[in-house]
Amino acid sequence: MSPRIFPMRSPVTFRLFILIAATLLFVPVSRGQASHETTKAGEDAARITDDLREETPGDFLRVTFVPAGVSVTTLARPGALRAFATATAFYLPPLPLKEFPLYSGSVNEDTKTLVALRCRPAHPESVDAVLATWPNLFHAIERDVHGDPAACSAATATQDAGMQAFCFAHAFSDPAGSTVPRTLAATFDYAAQAFDPEHKQLADWLHTQYGVFPAFSGLGFSVKDSYFLDTQPMSTAQLLAKSISPEYVLKNVSLKEAGCSCISVAPYPGRGDDLLDPEFIRKAGGDGECREVKSLAHAK
């Protein structure tokens, strides 16, 4: 990868951010586990978190809001390469709908149709789910784009957005280090270049193909309330305190292939106050297709 396209910057910019980020690896969480079933009562929250981050779970939740009449048949919009999802285990017991999207860096939209997916792929390789860290994301880009490293010249990288993303990912290196802040700082400083003004084509590709915005932490945790970063910037202390819910990136396959139960719920008064219960999604949802339900109320 030509250094003229993605010059490495000093890690000083992200040093403080990463120093505190190193404390996040064992955030206490609500009840849950990495299997397809609800957690056993009294299971240790630290071990749950460890399981969810060390081994990819087989049970995911994804929530989105679409205009009336839009048919959802794939995890993300058609044409995208990847979709974000969270671990079902973190949302048992369930939250009210209006609170759930905030933990994933999104927002509840009362005027749109809710589409809620609970996905338990029978063949995990079909979704290629990985914890949403920057190193995992870079490796996923390499697998998805299938570029030729020999073609990573300045000319080709700037002409084609997909190739530019491949070359940026391929140029990333992750050597082992003995100082946590310094080791992590190199990764975050490199990744941040994707959002520099001179790399707008790359940022646009990450947005359209992976759903990656500047609010993406790359810690494997989504940042609560980060939907509002454009108008309500956060300090390092706020960003790290709000890094709560684990997130994963999955291949954008069909709902059937991802083993998804899906419900669609049109707007109704008080919808945001009703519980978004993963068990309700599993029981009421269609098998590989979205089934319309009138209300979430009986999931209380």
Protein backbone atom coordinates (compact mmCIF):
# COMPACT_ATOMS: atom_id res chain seq x y z
CA MET A 1 0.00 0.00 0.00
CA SER A 2 1.49 3.33 -1.02
CA PRO A 3 2.24 5.59 1.93
CA ARG A 4 1.15 8.51 -0.24
CA ILE A 5 -2.47 7.36 0.06
CA PHE A 6 -2.63 6.41 3.73
CA PRO A 7 0.32 7.99 5.54
CA MET A 8 0.73 6.74 9.09
CA ARG A 9 0.26 9.42 11.71
CA SER A 10 1.67 9.62 15.20
CA PRO A 11 -0.39 7.63 17.72
CA VAL A 12 -0.42 10.58 20.14
CA THR A 13 -3.86 11.68 18.96
CA PHE A 14 -5.52 8.53 20.25
CA ARG A 15 -3.23 7.74 23.21
CA LEU A 16 -5.58 8.98 25.92
CA PHE A 17 -8.56 7.32 24.25
CA ILE A 18 -6.85 3.97 24.09
CA LEU A 19 -5.41 4.16 27.59
CA ILE A 20 -8.91 4.25 29.03
CA ALA A 21 -10.30 1.87 26.41
CA ALA A 22 -8.08 -0.87 27.75
CA THR A 23 -10.26 -0.96 30.86
CA LEU A 24 -13.37 -1.89 28.89
CA LEU A 25 -12.71 -5.52 28.13
CA PHE A 26 -14.79 -6.88 31.00
CA VAL A 27 -17.76 -4.54 31.32
CA PRO A 28 -20.48 -5.94 33.64
CA VAL A 29 -23.58 -6.91 31.70
CA SER A 30 -27.09 -8.20 32.17
CA ARG A 31 -27.98 -11.88 32.15
CA GLY A 32 -27.17 -13.91 29.03
CA GLN A 33 -24.88 -16.43 27.37
CA ALA A 34 -23.34 -17.15 24.00
CA SER A 35 -25.53 -20.17 23.17
CA HIS A 36 -28.94 -20.25 21.49
CA GLU A 37 -30.79 -20.51 24.79
CA THR A 38 -31.61 -18.10 27.57
CA THR A 39 -28.95 -17.93 30.26
CA LYS A 40 -29.11 -20.01 33.38
CA ALA A 41 -30.10 -18.05 36.46
CA GLY A 42 -27.14 -16.69 38.38
CA GLU A 43 -24.56 -17.12 35.62
CA ASP A 44 -21.48 -14.99 36.19
CA ALA A 45 -21.66 -11.79 34.15
CA ALA A 46 -17.87 -11.60 33.75
CA ARG A 47 -17.79 -15.06 32.16
CA ILE A 48 -20.70 -14.16 29.91
CA THR A 49 -18.79 -11.16 28.62
CA ASP A 50 -15.66 -13.25 28.19
CA ASP A 51 -17.58 -15.89 26.23
CA LEU A 52 -19.23 -13.33 23.97
CA ARG A 53 -15.94 -11.66 23.08
CA GLU A 54 -13.68 -14.69 22.85
CA GLU A 55 -16.12 -16.85 20.87
CA THR A 56 -18.66 -15.50 18.42
CA PRO A 57 -22.19 -16.16 19.68
CA GLY A 58 -24.70 -18.06 17.59
CA ASP A 59 -27.63 -15.84 18.53
CA PHE A 60 -27.88 -12.26 17.24
CA LEU A 61 -30.35 -9.38 17.35
CA ARG A 62 -30.72 -6.67 14.74
CA VAL A 63 -33.26 -3.84 14.79
CA THR A 64 -33.97 -1.36 12.04
CA PHE A 65 -36.73 1.04 11.07
CA VAL A 66 -37.98 1.27 7.49
CA PRO A 67 -40.64 3.26 5.64
CA ALA A 68 -44.05 1.64 5.28
CA GLY A 69 -44.17 -0.94 2.50
CA VAL A 70 -40.45 -1.67 2.38
CA SER A 71 -39.77 -5.41 2.25
CA VAL A 72 -36.77 -6.66 4.25
CA THR A 73 -35.26 -9.87 2.86
CA THR A 74 -31.57 -9.52 3.80
CA LEU A 75 -29.74 -8.51 6.96
CA ALA A 76 -28.75 -5.11 5.56
CA ARG A 77 -29.96 -3.19 2.54
CA PRO A 78 -29.51 -4.99 -0.81
CA GLY A 79 -26.02 -4.49 -2.22
CA ALA A 80 -24.28 -3.96 1.13
CA LEU A 81 -21.56 -6.44 2.11
CA ARG A 82 -22.03 -6.51 5.89
CA ALA A 83 -24.54 -5.80 8.64
CA PHE A 84 -24.14 -4.98 12.31
CA ALA A 85 -25.86 -7.04 14.99
CA THR A 86 -25.65 -7.44 18.75
CA ALA A 87 -25.71 -10.43 21.08
CA THR A 88 -29.13 -11.64 22.18
CA ALA A 89 -27.68 -12.58 25.57
CA PHE A 90 -27.24 -8.91 26.48
CA TYR A 91 -30.96 -8.22 26.12
CA LEU A 92 -32.41 -10.87 28.38
CA PRO A 93 -34.44 -9.69 30.23
CA PRO A 94 -35.66 -7.38 27.43
CA LEU A 95 -35.65 -3.60 27.25
CA PRO A 96 -38.45 -1.28 26.10
CA LEU A 97 -38.19 -0.67 22.37
CA LYS A 98 -37.38 3.04 22.79
CA GLU A 99 -34.24 2.15 24.79
CA PHE A 100 -32.91 -0.75 22.72
CA PRO A 101 -31.59 1.14 19.64
CA LEU A 102 -29.70 3.63 21.78
CA TYR A 103 -27.35 0.90 22.99
CA SER A 104 -26.49 0.05 19.39
CA GLY A 105 -25.76 3.63 18.44
CA SER A 106 -29.09 4.04 16.68
CA VAL A 107 -32.39 5.65 17.64
CA ASN A 108 -36.05 4.68 17.95
CA GLU A 109 -38.18 6.02 15.09
CA ASP A 110 -41.84 6.07 16.07
CA THR A 111 -43.10 7.02 12.61
CA LYS A 112 -41.49 4.09 10.76
CA THR A 113 -42.09 0.34 10.66
CA LEU A 114 -40.00 -1.61 13.15
CA VAL A 115 -38.17 -4.62 11.73
CA ALA A 116 -36.68 -6.82 14.45
CA LEU A 117 -34.54 -9.87 13.67
CA ARG A 118 -33.36 -12.67 15.91
CA CYS A 119 -30.86 -14.69 13.94
CA ARG A 120 -29.45 -18.10 14.86
CA PRO A 121 -27.61 -19.34 11.76
CA ALA A 122 -27.53 -23.11 11.38
CA HIS A 123 -24.29 -22.74 9.43
CA PRO A 124 -22.21 -20.00 11.10
CA GLU A 125 -19.78 -19.85 8.21
CA SER A 126 -22.56 -18.47 6.04
CA VAL A 127 -22.63 -15.20 8.00
CA ASP A 128 -18.90 -15.10 8.89
CA ALA A 129 -19.73 -13.17 12.06
CA VAL A 130 -16.84 -11.46 13.82
CA LEU A 131 -16.56 -9.20 16.83
CA ALA A 132 -16.64 -5.64 15.50
CA THR A 133 -13.06 -4.61 16.19
CA TRP A 134 -10.92 -2.74 13.70
CA PRO A 135 -8.55 -5.69 13.09
CA ASN A 136 -11.50 -8.03 12.48
CA LEU A 137 -13.10 -5.48 10.17
CA PHE A 138 -9.92 -5.12 8.11
CA HIS A 139 -9.64 -8.90 7.75
CA ALA A 140 -13.32 -9.11 6.74
CA ILE A 141 -12.78 -6.48 4.04
CA GLU A 142 -9.92 -8.51 2.61
CA ARG A 143 -12.13 -11.63 2.51
CA ASP A 144 -15.09 -9.81 1.02
CA VAL A 145 -13.37 -7.78 -1.69
CA HIS A 146 -10.89 -10.43 -2.90
CA GLY A 147 -8.44 -7.86 -4.23
CA ASP A 148 -4.94 -8.45 -5.50
CA PRO A 149 -2.36 -6.94 -3.13
CA ALA A 150 -0.02 -6.47 -6.08
CA ALA A 151 -2.55 -3.99 -7.49
CA CYS A 152 -2.35 -1.69 -4.46
CA SER A 153 -0.73 1.21 -6.24
CA ALA A 154 -1.67 4.83 -5.75
CA ALA A 155 -3.41 4.93 -9.13
CA THR A 156 -5.71 1.93 -8.73
CA ALA A 157 -6.51 2.64 -5.10
CA THR A 158 -7.79 6.12 -5.85
CA GLN A 159 -9.80 5.02 -8.91
CA ASP A 160 -11.90 2.28 -7.35
CA ALA A 161 -13.47 2.59 -3.89
CA GLY A 162 -13.62 -1.16 -3.29
CA MET A 163 -9.97 -1.57 -4.18
CA GLN A 164 -9.09 1.43 -2.07
CA ALA A 165 -10.80 -0.21 0.92
CA PHE A 166 -9.04 -3.50 0.21
CA CYS A 167 -5.63 -1.84 0.04
CA PHE A 168 -6.27 0.17 3.20
CA ALA A 169 -7.26 -3.03 5.02
CA HIS A 170 -4.36 -5.02 3.56
CA ALA A 171 -1.83 -2.37 4.62
CA PHE A 172 -2.90 -2.63 8.25
CA SER A 173 -0.46 -4.42 10.54
CA ASP A 174 -1.02 -5.54 14.11
CA PRO A 175 2.27 -6.46 15.77
CA ALA A 176 2.22 -7.70 19.34
CA GLY A 177 3.31 -5.25 21.99
CA SER A 178 4.01 -5.18 25.70
CA THR A 179 2.36 -1.80 26.40
CA VAL A 180 -1.41 -1.89 26.00
CA PRO A 181 -2.03 1.83 25.29
CA ARG A 182 0.79 2.06 22.74
CA THR A 183 -0.21 -1.16 20.95
CA LEU A 184 -3.85 -0.14 20.71
CA ALA A 185 -3.01 3.45 19.81
CA ALA A 186 -1.30 2.36 16.58
CA THR A 187 -4.43 0.55 15.42
CA PHE A 188 -6.84 3.35 16.27
CA ASP A 189 -4.62 6.04 14.80
CA TYR A 190 -4.42 4.08 11.54
CA ALA A 191 -8.16 3.38 11.43
CA ALA A 192 -9.05 7.02 12.06
CA GLN A 193 -7.47 7.99 8.74
CA ALA A 194 -10.48 6.46 6.98
CA PHE A 195 -12.53 9.44 8.17
CA ASP A 196 -10.08 12.14 7.13
CA PRO A 197 -11.45 14.56 4.48
CA GLU A 198 -8.94 13.40 1.86
CA HIS A 199 -10.26 9.83 2.15
CA LYS A 200 -13.93 10.60 1.58
CA GLN A 201 -14.26 7.87 -1.07
CA LEU A 202 -13.07 5.29 1.44
CA ALA A 203 -15.37 6.62 4.16
CA ASP A 204 -18.33 6.50 1.76
CA TRP A 205 -17.52 2.89 0.87
CA LEU A 206 -17.33 1.87 4.53
CA HIS A 207 -20.69 3.55 5.07
CA THR A 208 -22.55 2.00 2.14
CA GLN A 209 -20.97 -1.47 2.20
CA TYR A 210 -20.42 -2.03 5.93
CA GLY A 211 -22.62 0.50 7.70
CA VAL A 212 -19.52 1.98 9.35
CA PHE A 213 -19.84 5.61 10.43
CA PRO A 214 -17.47 7.82 12.46
CA ALA A 215 -19.47 6.60 15.49
CA PHE A 216 -18.03 3.10 15.01
CA SER A 217 -15.68 2.48 17.93
CA GLY A 218 -13.86 -0.60 16.69
CA LEU A 219 -13.69 -1.82 20.30
CA GLY A 220 -16.21 -4.58 19.78
CA PHE A 221 -18.67 -2.44 21.74
CA SER A 222 -21.18 -0.06 20.22
CA VAL A 223 -21.32 3.39 21.81
CA LYS A 224 -24.68 4.21 23.38
CA ASP A 225 -26.24 7.46 22.06
CA SER A 226 -23.59 7.80 19.34
CA TYR A 227 -26.39 8.42 16.80
CA PHE A 228 -26.32 12.01 18.04
CA LEU A 229 -22.57 12.61 17.74
CA ASP A 230 -22.97 15.11 14.89
CA THR A 231 -24.97 17.45 17.09
CA GLN A 232 -23.86 16.27 20.53
CA PRO A 233 -20.13 15.45 20.48
CA MET A 234 -18.81 13.36 23.37
CA SER A 235 -15.64 13.49 25.42
CA THR A 236 -13.38 10.48 25.82
CA ALA A 237 -14.86 9.85 29.26
CA GLN A 238 -18.39 9.84 27.84
CA LEU A 239 -17.52 7.62 24.87
CA LEU A 240 -15.87 5.01 27.02
CA ALA A 241 -18.57 5.03 29.68
CA LYS A 242 -21.16 4.43 26.94
CA SER A 243 -19.29 1.54 25.29
CA ILE A 244 -21.61 -1.11 26.67
CA SER A 245 -23.18 -3.49 24.18
CA PRO A 246 -21.09 -5.99 22.17
CA GLU A 247 -21.46 -5.75 18.41
CA TYR A 248 -20.59 -8.00 15.49
CA VAL A 249 -20.39 -7.67 11.73
CA LEU A 250 -22.10 -10.36 9.65
CA LYS A 251 -22.20 -11.01 5.94
CA ASN A 252 -25.27 -9.50 4.35
CA VAL A 253 -27.02 -12.75 3.47
CA SER A 254 -30.71 -13.56 3.19
CA LEU A 255 -32.80 -13.84 6.35
CA LYS A 256 -33.26 -17.54 5.60
CA GLU A 257 -29.54 -18.15 5.26
CA ALA A 258 -28.88 -16.28 8.51
CA GLY A 259 -31.50 -18.33 10.36
CA CYS A 260 -33.54 -15.25 11.23
CA SER A 261 -36.95 -14.97 12.79
CA CYS A 262 -38.30 -11.58 11.75
CA ILE A 263 -41.20 -9.40 12.83
CA SER A 264 -42.40 -6.12 11.34
CA VAL A 265 -44.49 -3.82 13.51
CA ALA A 266 -46.19 -0.73 12.13
CA PRO A 267 -46.31 2.38 14.30
CA TYR A 268 -48.95 2.51 17.03
CA PRO A 269 -49.37 4.68 20.13
CA GLY A 270 -47.08 3.56 22.92
CA ARG A 271 -45.01 1.18 20.78
CA GLY A 272 -41.77 2.56 22.17
CA ASP A 273 -42.81 1.70 25.73
CA ASP A 274 -43.46 -1.97 24.94
CA LEU A 275 -40.75 -4.57 25.48
CA LEU A 276 -38.65 -5.83 22.60
CA ASP A 277 -38.47 -9.44 23.76
CA PRO A 278 -36.09 -11.77 21.85
CA GLU A 279 -38.31 -14.73 22.76
CA PHE A 280 -41.32 -12.95 21.28
CA ILE A 281 -39.38 -12.34 18.06
CA ARG A 282 -38.46 -16.03 17.91
CA LYS A 283 -42.01 -17.26 18.48
CA ALA A 284 -43.96 -14.67 16.49
CA GLY A 285 -41.51 -14.09 13.66
CA GLY A 286 -41.48 -15.71 10.28
CA ASP A 287 -38.86 -18.33 9.49
CA GLY A 288 -36.51 -16.53 7.12
CA GLU A 289 -39.09 -13.89 6.31
CA CYS A 290 -40.72 -10.98 8.10
CA ARG A 291 -44.11 -11.61 9.64
CA GLU A 292 -46.32 -8.65 10.44
CA VAL A 293 -47.47 -8.42 14.04
CA LYS A 294 -49.88 -5.81 15.36
CA SER A 295 -48.26 -5.08 18.70
CA LEU A 296 -45.36 -5.82 21.00
CA ALA A 297 -47.60 -5.34 24.01
CA HIS A 298 -48.21 -9.01 24.83
CA ALA A 299 -44.44 -9.53 25.07
CA LYS A 300 -44.54 -7.80 28.48
